[in-house]
Amino acid sequence: MFSLTYRAPAIGRKLLFLPLIIGMLIAGLSPLTATNASDDLQTGLLVPAFAAFLGLFHWLQTADSEIDNLDLAVVLGIGALFVIPSYQGGWILLFMLSVYLMLRQRDSIEGLQVLTLAALHQPIMTYALKLFTAPVLSMDAMMIAALLNVTTGAGSYAGNLVTGPADHQLLILKGCSSLSNLGIAWLAWFAISRYRGIKLNRNMWMTMLLITLLTLALNLTRLYGMALSIEWHEWWHSDAGETTYQMVLSGLLLFSILLGLKHESDR
C-alpha cells in the first residue's frame, strides 16, 4: 500500500509582489496618460519612471526567495491601502514595499535601492517645492541677479522676481527651478550607476558634482537669457526652446554618466 502526497509549489517573492509593484507604478505614473496633465508634470515623471523600471528589471534578474507569513501580511496590508486612488499614494506605498524587501532579502539590493529612490522622488519634489517654494525660487533669482550685475551692471531681485536691463521682469516659477532639474539629474545618475553595480565611492560623488554643476549652469543660462531680453524669454518658452533645453540637458547628463562609467571601468 502506498500513499500519494502532493506538495504545493513554493511561491517566490517576485511572483507574490510583482503584481502589486506594477499596480503601484501604474498608479504613480497615471498623470503621464491624463489628457489634462501639464507638460512640467509629465516631464518630471519620465525620469522617475525610467529609474523605477530599471530598478524593477534589476530586481527581477536576481535569485528569488520563498515567502512566509509576514510576506503575506504585508501584501494584504499594503494591498488594502493601495485601493485608495492617489498617484502620490502609489509612489509612497512603493517606497514602503521597497524598504521592506531590502530588509527581508540580501539579493538585488542595488535594484531595490533604485526602486526606493525612484518612488521617493516625486513626493519629495512635490512637497519640497510646496513647503520651501520661496527660498528655492529666491535662490535662483539671487544667482540670476548676480550674473546680470556682473555682465550688464543692472540686476536685482525681490523674492522670485528678477529685474534686469530689459523692460520686462522675470518671474521664476516652480517649473523653472534648479531644484527640479537637479533632482531629475541626480536620480538618473543614481539609477544607471547602481544598475551597473557601481559602488558609492569618492569617484561617484565627483561625477555627481559634475552633473550638478552642468545642470545648474544650463538652467541658469536659460533663466539669464529670459531676463536679458524679451526675445530670449519668448524663445525659451517656445516649443523649439523647450526642446533644445531638454536635448542639451539630456546630452550633458548622458555625457557625464558615460564619463563616470568609463572611469569606473578603467580602474
C-alpha atoms as a PDB file:
ATOM      1  CA  MET A   1       0.000   0.000   0.000  1.00  0.00           C
ATOM      2  CA  PHE A   2       1.279   3.393  -0.813  1.00  0.00           C
ATOM      3  CA  SER A   3       0.029   6.945  -0.490  1.00  0.00           C
ATOM      4  CA  LEU A   4       0.450   9.713  -2.985  1.00  0.00           C
ATOM      5  CA  THR A   5       1.143  13.123  -1.486  1.00  0.00           C
ATOM      6  CA  TYR A   6       1.152  16.449  -3.269  1.00  0.00           C
ATOM      7  CA  ARG A   7       3.194  19.437  -2.133  1.00  0.00           C
ATOM      8  CA  ALA A   8       2.159  22.837  -3.436  1.00  0.00           C
ATOM      9  CA  PRO A   9       4.990  24.645  -5.213  1.00  0.00           C
ATOM     10  CA  ALA A  10       6.620  27.453  -3.252  1.00  0.00           C
ATOM     11  CA  ILE A  11       5.661  30.914  -4.447  1.00  0.00           C
ATOM     12  CA  GLY A  12       8.631  33.229  -4.627  1.00  0.00           C
ATOM     13  CA  ARG A  13       8.641  36.832  -3.509  1.00  0.00           C
ATOM     14  CA  LYS A  14       8.967  38.062  -7.094  1.00  0.00           C
ATOM     15  CA  LEU A  15       5.759  36.289  -8.114  1.00  0.00           C
ATOM     16  CA  LEU A  16       3.963  37.479  -4.971  1.00  0.00           C
ATOM     17  CA  PHE A  17       4.979  41.142  -5.021  1.00  0.00           C
ATOM     18  CA  LEU A  18       5.307  41.790  -8.766  1.00  0.00           C
ATOM     19  CA  PRO A  19       1.584  42.429  -9.442  1.00  0.00           C
ATOM     20  CA  LEU A  20       1.460  44.843  -6.506  1.00  0.00           C
ATOM     21  CA  ILE A  21       4.570  46.705  -7.667  1.00  0.00           C
ATOM     22  CA  ILE A  22       3.246  47.001 -11.224  1.00  0.00           C
ATOM     23  CA  GLY A  23      -0.061  48.307  -9.910  1.00  0.00           C
ATOM     24  CA  MET A  24       1.710  50.945  -7.831  1.00  0.00           C
ATOM     25  CA  LEU A  25       3.772  52.027 -10.836  1.00  0.00           C
ATOM     26  CA  ILE A  26       0.633  52.362 -12.949  1.00  0.00           C
ATOM     27  CA  ALA A  27      -0.990  54.473 -10.238  1.00  0.00           C
ATOM     28  CA  GLY A  28       2.131  56.605  -9.750  1.00  0.00           C
ATOM     29  CA  LEU A  29       2.528  57.206 -13.474  1.00  0.00           C
ATOM     30  CA  SER A  30      -1.155  57.876 -14.161  1.00  0.00           C
ATOM     31  CA  PRO A  31      -0.549  61.635 -14.782  1.00  0.00           C
ATOM     32  CA  LEU A  32       1.510  60.666 -17.838  1.00  0.00           C
ATOM     33  CA  THR A  33      -1.643  59.353 -19.521  1.00  0.00           C
ATOM     34  CA  ALA A  34      -4.007  62.062 -18.287  1.00  0.00           C
ATOM     35  CA  THR A  35      -5.239  64.349 -21.052  1.00  0.00           C
ATOM     36  CA  ASN A  36      -5.196  67.408 -18.798  1.00  0.00           C
ATOM     37  CA  ALA A  37      -1.749  66.760 -17.302  1.00  0.00           C
ATOM     38  CA  SER A  38       0.693  69.640 -17.567  1.00  0.00           C
ATOM     39  CA  ASP A  39       3.894  69.308 -19.582  1.00  0.00           C
ATOM     40  CA  ASP A  40       6.004  70.054 -16.481  1.00  0.00           C
ATOM     41  CA  LEU A  41       4.365  67.203 -14.578  1.00  0.00           C
ATOM     42  CA  GLN A  42       4.783  64.766 -17.449  1.00  0.00           C
ATOM     43  CA  THR A  43       8.446  65.659 -17.953  1.00  0.00           C
ATOM     44  CA  GLY A  44       9.096  65.339 -14.222  1.00  0.00           C
ATOM     45  CA  LEU A  45       7.706  61.802 -14.233  1.00  0.00           C
ATOM     46  CA  LEU A  46       9.637  60.432 -17.199  1.00  0.00           C
ATOM     47  CA  VAL A  47      12.956  60.027 -15.371  1.00  0.00           C
ATOM     48  CA  PRO A  48      11.374  58.524 -12.202  1.00  0.00           C
ATOM     49  CA  ALA A  49       9.514  56.096 -14.467  1.00  0.00           C
ATOM     50  CA  PHE A  50      12.756  55.139 -16.213  1.00  0.00           C
ATOM     51  CA  ALA A  51      14.548  54.698 -12.879  1.00  0.00           C
ATOM     52  CA  ALA A  52      11.706  52.675 -11.359  1.00  0.00           C
ATOM     53  CA  PHE A  53      11.542  50.222 -14.254  1.00  0.00           C
ATOM     54  CA  LEU A  54      15.346  49.964 -14.266  1.00  0.00           C
ATOM     55  CA  GLY A  55      15.293  49.031 -10.585  1.00  0.00           C
ATOM     56  CA  LEU A  56      12.398  46.626 -11.120  1.00  0.00           C
ATOM     57  CA  PHE A  57      14.192  44.916 -14.015  1.00  0.00           C
ATOM     58  CA  HIS A  58      17.348  44.529 -11.908  1.00  0.00           C
ATOM     59  CA  TRP A  59      15.308  43.028  -9.053  1.00  0.00           C
ATOM     60  CA  LEU A  60      13.639  40.528 -11.373  1.00  0.00           C
ATOM     61  CA  GLN A  61      17.038  39.334 -12.646  1.00  0.00           C
ATOM     62  CA  THR A  62      18.187  38.118  -9.226  1.00  0.00           C
ATOM     63  CA  ALA A  63      17.549  34.918  -7.337  1.00  0.00           C
ATOM     64  CA  ASP A  64      14.132  34.555  -5.747  1.00  0.00           C
ATOM     65  CA  SER A  65      13.185  33.798  -2.142  1.00  0.00           C
ATOM     66  CA  GLU A  66      10.297  31.790  -0.723  1.00  0.00           C
ATOM     67  CA  ILE A  67       7.520  33.669   1.019  1.00  0.00           C
ATOM     68  CA  ASP A  68       6.415  33.376   4.619  1.00  0.00           C
ATOM     69  CA  ASN A  69       3.505  34.583   6.731  1.00  0.00           C
ATOM     70  CA  LEU A  70       4.987  38.066   7.143  1.00  0.00           C
ATOM     71  CA  ASP A  71       5.182  38.477   3.363  1.00  0.00           C
ATOM     72  CA  LEU A  72       1.513  37.541   3.061  1.00  0.00           C
ATOM     73  CA  ALA A  73       0.549  40.009   5.791  1.00  0.00           C
ATOM     74  CA  VAL A  74       2.478  42.805   4.080  1.00  0.00           C
ATOM     75  CA  VAL A  75       0.815  42.075   0.736  1.00  0.00           C
ATOM     76  CA  LEU A  76      -2.627  42.150   2.319  1.00  0.00           C
ATOM     77  CA  GLY A  77      -1.901  45.304   4.312  1.00  0.00           C
ATOM     78  CA  ILE A  78      -0.344  47.337   1.505  1.00  0.00           C
ATOM     79  CA  GLY A  79      -2.866  45.935  -0.961  1.00  0.00           C
ATOM     80  CA  ALA A  80      -5.693  47.261   1.213  1.00  0.00           C
ATOM     81  CA  LEU A  81      -4.102  50.730   1.265  1.00  0.00           C
ATOM     82  CA  PHE A  82      -3.481  50.564  -2.465  1.00  0.00           C
ATOM     83  CA  VAL A  83      -7.200  50.671  -3.270  1.00  0.00           C
ATOM     84  CA  ILE A  84      -7.211  54.356  -2.248  1.00  0.00           C
ATOM     85  CA  PRO A  85      -6.963  56.241  -5.570  1.00  0.00           C
ATOM     86  CA  SER A  86      -3.915  58.524  -5.427  1.00  0.00           C
ATOM     87  CA  TYR A  87      -0.923  58.755  -7.746  1.00  0.00           C
ATOM     88  CA  GLN A  88       1.281  60.098  -4.958  1.00  0.00           C
ATOM     89  CA  GLY A  89      -0.043  57.321  -2.716  1.00  0.00           C
ATOM     90  CA  GLY A  90       1.184  54.812  -5.278  1.00  0.00           C
ATOM     91  CA  TRP A  91       4.730  56.187  -5.017  1.00  0.00           C
ATOM     92  CA  ILE A  92       4.621  56.237  -1.201  1.00  0.00           C
ATOM     93  CA  LEU A  93       3.382  52.643  -0.998  1.00  0.00           C
ATOM     94  CA  LEU A  94       6.050  51.578  -3.490  1.00  0.00           C
ATOM     95  CA  PHE A  95       8.660  53.192  -1.238  1.00  0.00           C
ATOM     96  CA  MET A  96       7.328  51.287   1.794  1.00  0.00           C
ATOM     97  CA  LEU A  97       7.341  47.999  -0.100  1.00  0.00           C
ATOM     98  CA  SER A  98      10.866  48.555  -1.458  1.00  0.00           C
ATOM     99  CA  VAL A  99      12.216  49.251   2.025  1.00  0.00           C
ATOM    100  CA  TYR A 100      10.508  46.124   3.333  1.00  0.00           C
ATOM    101  CA  LEU A 101      12.052  43.982   0.598  1.00  0.00           C
ATOM    102  CA  MET A 102      15.522  45.415   1.271  1.00  0.00           C
ATOM    103  CA  LEU A 103      15.195  44.469   4.918  1.00  0.00           C
ATOM    104  CA  ARG A 104      13.975  40.976   4.089  1.00  0.00           C
ATOM    105  CA  GLN A 105      16.412  39.840   1.403  1.00  0.00           C
ATOM    106  CA  ARG A 106      20.107  40.217   0.689  1.00  0.00           C
ATOM    107  CA  ASP A 107      19.945  39.866  -3.079  1.00  0.00           C
ATOM    108  CA  SER A 108      19.200  42.661  -5.553  1.00  0.00           C
ATOM    109  CA  ILE A 109      19.903  45.424  -3.069  1.00  0.00           C
ATOM    110  CA  GLU A 110      21.013  47.670  -5.933  1.00  0.00           C
ATOM    111  CA  GLY A 111      17.737  47.255  -7.794  1.00  0.00           C
ATOM    112  CA  LEU A 112      15.677  47.837  -4.665  1.00  0.00           C
ATOM    113  CA  GLN A 113      17.700  50.952  -3.831  1.00  0.00           C
ATOM    114  CA  VAL A 114      16.894  52.375  -7.260  1.00  0.00           C
ATOM    115  CA  LEU A 115      13.229  51.461  -6.863  1.00  0.00           C
ATOM    116  CA  THR A 116      13.137  53.127  -3.441  1.00  0.00           C
ATOM    117  CA  LEU A 117      14.722  56.360  -4.628  1.00  0.00           C
ATOM    118  CA  ALA A 118      12.512  56.476  -7.721  1.00  0.00           C
ATOM    119  CA  ALA A 119       9.452  56.090  -5.517  1.00  0.00           C
ATOM    120  CA  LEU A 120      10.661  58.859  -3.185  1.00  0.00           C
ATOM    121  CA  HIS A 121      11.493  61.334  -5.953  1.00  0.00           C
ATOM    122  CA  GLN A 122       8.007  62.529  -6.876  1.00  0.00           C
ATOM    123  CA  PRO A 123       6.652  63.013  -3.292  1.00  0.00           C
ATOM    124  CA  ILE A 124       9.889  64.706  -2.169  1.00  0.00           C
ATOM    125  CA  MET A 125      10.000  67.120  -5.097  1.00  0.00           C
ATOM    126  CA  THR A 126       6.286  67.870  -4.848  1.00  0.00           C
ATOM    127  CA  TYR A 127       6.296  68.698  -1.151  1.00  0.00           C
ATOM    128  CA  ALA A 128       9.720  70.358  -1.186  1.00  0.00           C
ATOM    129  CA  LEU A 129       8.521  72.836  -3.791  1.00  0.00           C
ATOM    130  CA  LYS A 130       5.281  73.355  -1.852  1.00  0.00           C
ATOM    131  CA  LEU A 131       6.847  73.849   1.575  1.00  0.00           C
ATOM    132  CA  PHE A 132      10.012  75.658   0.506  1.00  0.00           C
ATOM    133  CA  THR A 133       8.838  77.485  -2.601  1.00  0.00           C
ATOM    134  CA  ALA A 134      10.014  80.922  -1.505  1.00  0.00           C
ATOM    135  CA  PRO A 135      13.629  80.084  -0.535  1.00  0.00           C
ATOM    136  CA  VAL A 136      14.132  77.712  -3.502  1.00  0.00           C
ATOM    137  CA  LEU A 137      12.952  80.212  -6.100  1.00  0.00           C
ATOM    138  CA  SER A 138      14.667  83.116  -4.329  1.00  0.00           C
ATOM    139  CA  MET A 139      17.983  81.287  -4.605  1.00  0.00           C
ATOM    140  CA  ASP A 140      17.582  81.051  -8.381  1.00  0.00           C
ATOM    141  CA  ALA A 141      16.557  84.710  -8.556  1.00  0.00           C
ATOM    142  CA  MET A 142      19.564  85.757  -6.484  1.00  0.00           C
ATOM    143  CA  MET A 143      22.011  83.914  -8.786  1.00  0.00           C
ATOM    144  CA  ILE A 144      20.424  85.374 -11.928  1.00  0.00           C
ATOM    145  CA  ALA A 145      20.507  88.896 -10.483  1.00  0.00           C
ATOM    146  CA  ALA A 146      24.185  88.446  -9.588  1.00  0.00           C
ATOM    147  CA  LEU A 147      25.001  87.316 -13.151  1.00  0.00           C
ATOM    148  CA  LEU A 148      23.131  90.282 -14.589  1.00  0.00           C
ATOM    149  CA  ASN A 149      25.036  92.655 -12.312  1.00  0.00           C
ATOM    150  CA  VAL A 150      28.376  91.214 -13.390  1.00  0.00           C
ATOM    151  CA  THR A 151      27.633  91.174 -17.118  1.00  0.00           C
ATOM    152  CA  THR A 152      25.337  94.180 -17.632  1.00  0.00           C
ATOM    153  CA  GLY A 153      25.649  96.225 -14.457  1.00  0.00           C
ATOM    154  CA  ALA A 154      21.887  96.051 -13.883  1.00  0.00           C
ATOM    155  CA  GLY A 155      20.292  93.274 -11.882  1.00  0.00           C
ATOM    156  CA  SER A 156      18.176  92.992  -8.766  1.00  0.00           C
ATOM    157  CA  TYR A 157      15.638  90.604  -7.306  1.00  0.00           C
ATOM    158  CA  ALA A 158      12.748  90.557  -4.843  1.00  0.00           C
ATOM    159  CA  GLY A 159      11.618  87.070  -3.900  1.00  0.00           C
ATOM    160  CA  ASN A 160      11.348  85.167  -7.171  1.00  0.00           C
ATOM    161  CA  LEU A 161      11.066  88.312  -9.320  1.00  0.00           C
ATOM    162  CA  VAL A 162      14.187  89.384 -11.241  1.00  0.00           C
ATOM    163  CA  THR A 163      14.724  92.843 -12.735  1.00  0.00           C
ATOM    164  CA  GLY A 164      17.431  93.223 -15.375  1.00  0.00           C
ATOM    165  CA  PRO A 165      18.439  95.636 -18.141  1.00  0.00           C
ATOM    166  CA  ALA A 166      15.363  94.805 -20.263  1.00  0.00           C
ATOM    167  CA  ASP A 167      11.950  96.434 -19.988  1.00  0.00           C
ATOM    168  CA  HIS A 168      10.337  93.274 -18.629  1.00  0.00           C
ATOM    169  CA  GLN A 169      10.755  91.418 -15.338  1.00  0.00           C
ATOM    170  CA  LEU A 170      11.364  87.691 -14.960  1.00  0.00           C
ATOM    171  CA  LEU A 171       9.078  85.742 -12.627  1.00  0.00           C
ATOM    172  CA  ILE A 172      10.689  82.393 -11.779  1.00  0.00           C
ATOM    173  CA  LEU A 173       8.098  79.667 -11.209  1.00  0.00           C
ATOM    174  CA  LYS A 174       8.374  76.111  -9.861  1.00  0.00           C
ATOM    175  CA  GLY A 175       8.810  74.535 -13.283  1.00  0.00           C
ATOM    176  CA  CYS A 176      11.939  76.627 -13.899  1.00  0.00           C
ATOM    177  CA  SER A 177      13.594  75.987 -10.553  1.00  0.00           C
ATOM    178  CA  SER A 178      17.083  74.497 -10.471  1.00  0.00           C
ATOM    179  CA  LEU A 179      15.980  72.091  -7.734  1.00  0.00           C
ATOM    180  CA  SER A 180      13.573  70.260 -10.070  1.00  0.00           C
ATOM    181  CA  ASN A 181      16.227  69.784 -12.736  1.00  0.00           C
ATOM    182  CA  LEU A 182      18.884  68.729 -10.238  1.00  0.00           C
ATOM    183  CA  GLY A 183      16.569  66.147  -8.699  1.00  0.00           C
ATOM    184  CA  ILE A 184      15.947  64.590 -12.111  1.00  0.00           C
ATOM    185  CA  ALA A 185      19.667  64.576 -12.974  1.00  0.00           C
ATOM    186  CA  TRP A 186      20.688  63.020  -9.652  1.00  0.00           C
ATOM    187  CA  LEU A 187      18.047  60.299  -9.932  1.00  0.00           C
ATOM    188  CA  ALA A 188      19.080  59.354 -13.480  1.00  0.00           C
ATOM    189  CA  TRP A 189      22.740  59.041 -12.493  1.00  0.00           C
ATOM    190  CA  PHE A 190      21.999  57.041  -9.349  1.00  0.00           C
ATOM    191  CA  ALA A 191      19.692  54.636 -11.199  1.00  0.00           C
ATOM    192  CA  ILE A 192      22.139  53.898 -14.015  1.00  0.00           C
ATOM    193  CA  SER A 193      25.188  53.664 -11.749  1.00  0.00           C
ATOM    194  CA  ARG A 194      23.538  51.298  -9.278  1.00  0.00           C
ATOM    195  CA  TYR A 195      22.142  49.214 -12.129  1.00  0.00           C
ATOM    196  CA  ARG A 196      25.702  48.855 -13.405  1.00  0.00           C
ATOM    197  CA  GLY A 197      26.866  47.872  -9.922  1.00  0.00           C
ATOM    198  CA  ILE A 198      28.977  50.974  -9.237  1.00  0.00           C
ATOM    199  CA  LYS A 199      29.528  51.420  -5.518  1.00  0.00           C
ATOM    200  CA  LEU A 200      29.044  54.646  -3.611  1.00  0.00           C
ATOM    201  CA  ASN A 201      32.642  55.844  -3.541  1.00  0.00           C
ATOM    202  CA  ARG A 202      34.531  59.111  -3.898  1.00  0.00           C
ATOM    203  CA  ASN A 203      34.701  58.891  -7.693  1.00  0.00           C
ATOM    204  CA  MET A 204      30.937  58.509  -7.889  1.00  0.00           C
ATOM    205  CA  TRP A 205      30.474  61.673  -5.840  1.00  0.00           C
ATOM    206  CA  MET A 206      32.850  63.501  -8.184  1.00  0.00           C
ATOM    207  CA  THR A 207      30.629  62.513 -11.099  1.00  0.00           C
ATOM    208  CA  MET A 208      27.614  63.703  -9.133  1.00  0.00           C
ATOM    209  CA  LEU A 209      29.353  67.051  -8.621  1.00  0.00           C
ATOM    210  CA  LEU A 210      29.997  67.337 -12.362  1.00  0.00           C
ATOM    211  CA  ILE A 211      26.343  66.567 -13.115  1.00  0.00           C
ATOM    212  CA  THR A 212      25.240  69.145 -10.534  1.00  0.00           C
ATOM    213  CA  LEU A 213      27.435  71.899 -11.968  1.00  0.00           C
ATOM    214  CA  LEU A 214      26.451  71.219 -15.591  1.00  0.00           C
ATOM    215  CA  THR A 215      22.731  71.034 -14.791  1.00  0.00           C
ATOM    216  CA  LEU A 216      22.855  74.181 -12.678  1.00  0.00           C
ATOM    217  CA  ALA A 217      24.850  76.066 -15.306  1.00  0.00           C
ATOM    218  CA  LEU A 218      22.431  75.134 -18.087  1.00  0.00           C
ATOM    219  CA  ASN A 219      19.366  76.140 -16.091  1.00  0.00           C
ATOM    220  CA  LEU A 220      20.934  79.449 -15.057  1.00  0.00           C
ATOM    221  CA  THR A 221      21.879  80.117 -18.685  1.00  0.00           C
ATOM    222  CA  ARG A 222      18.256  79.680 -19.707  1.00  0.00           C
ATOM    223  CA  LEU A 223      16.951  81.928 -16.923  1.00  0.00           C
ATOM    224  CA  TYR A 224      19.666  84.502 -17.643  1.00  0.00           C
ATOM    225  CA  GLY A 225      18.583  84.677 -21.279  1.00  0.00           C
ATOM    226  CA  MET A 226      14.958  85.104 -20.234  1.00  0.00           C
ATOM    227  CA  ALA A 227      15.871  88.046 -18.011  1.00  0.00           C
ATOM    228  CA  LEU A 228      18.192  89.593 -20.585  1.00  0.00           C
ATOM    229  CA  SER A 229      15.648  90.224 -23.351  1.00  0.00           C
ATOM    230  CA  ILE A 230      12.008  89.585 -24.144  1.00  0.00           C
ATOM    231  CA  GLU A 231      13.033  87.826 -27.369  1.00  0.00           C
ATOM    232  CA  TRP A 232      15.030  85.218 -25.434  1.00  0.00           C
ATOM    233  CA  HIS A 233      12.168  84.911 -22.944  1.00  0.00           C
ATOM    234  CA  GLU A 234       9.733  84.082 -25.719  1.00  0.00           C
ATOM    235  CA  TRP A 235      12.154  81.686 -27.435  1.00  0.00           C
ATOM    236  CA  TRP A 236      12.923  79.657 -24.320  1.00  0.00           C
ATOM    237  CA  HIS A 237       9.160  79.240 -23.746  1.00  0.00           C
ATOM    238  CA  SER A 238       8.529  78.182 -27.344  1.00  0.00           C
ATOM    239  CA  ASP A 239       8.436  74.571 -28.493  1.00  0.00           C
ATOM    240  CA  ALA A 240      11.850  74.982 -30.121  1.00  0.00           C
ATOM    241  CA  GLY A 241      13.379  76.458 -26.971  1.00  0.00           C
ATOM    242  CA  GLU A 242      11.944  73.818 -24.646  1.00  0.00           C
ATOM    243  CA  THR A 243      13.010  71.015 -26.998  1.00  0.00           C
ATOM    244  CA  THR A 244      16.510  72.466 -27.255  1.00  0.00           C
ATOM    245  CA  TYR A 245      16.792  72.713 -23.479  1.00  0.00           C
ATOM    246  CA  GLN A 246      15.666  69.124 -22.932  1.00  0.00           C
ATOM    247  CA  MET A 247      18.013  67.804 -25.634  1.00  0.00           C
ATOM    248  CA  VAL A 248      21.039  69.704 -24.324  1.00  0.00           C
ATOM    249  CA  LEU A 249      20.271  68.693 -20.738  1.00  0.00           C
ATOM    250  CA  SER A 250      19.879  65.049 -21.768  1.00  0.00           C
ATOM    251  CA  GLY A 251      23.136  65.222 -23.737  1.00  0.00           C
ATOM    252  CA  LEU A 252      25.101  66.714 -20.845  1.00  0.00           C
ATOM    253  CA  LEU A 253      23.625  64.196 -18.434  1.00  0.00           C
ATOM    254  CA  LEU A 254      24.400  61.274 -20.728  1.00  0.00           C
ATOM    255  CA  PHE A 255      27.933  62.567 -21.276  1.00  0.00           C
ATOM    256  CA  SER A 256      28.531  62.834 -17.518  1.00  0.00           C
ATOM    257  CA  ILE A 257      27.105  59.370 -16.856  1.00  0.00           C
ATOM    258  CA  LEU A 258      29.168  57.710 -19.591  1.00  0.00           C
ATOM    259  CA  LEU A 259      32.264  59.542 -18.392  1.00  0.00           C
ATOM    260  CA  GLY A 260      31.706  58.269 -14.864  1.00  0.00           C
ATOM    261  CA  LEU A 261      31.039  54.721 -16.050  1.00  0.00           C
ATOM    262  CA  LYS A 262      34.152  54.721 -18.236  1.00  0.00           C
ATOM    263  CA  HIS A 263      36.268  55.991 -15.353  1.00  0.00           C
ATOM    264  CA  GLU A 264      34.989  53.221 -13.092  1.00  0.00           C
ATOM    265  CA  SER A 265      35.558  50.533 -15.732  1.00  0.00           C
ATOM    266  CA  ASP A 266      39.147  51.706 -16.275  1.00  0.00           C
ATOM    267  CA  ARG A 267      40.035  51.389 -12.608  1.00  0.00           C
END
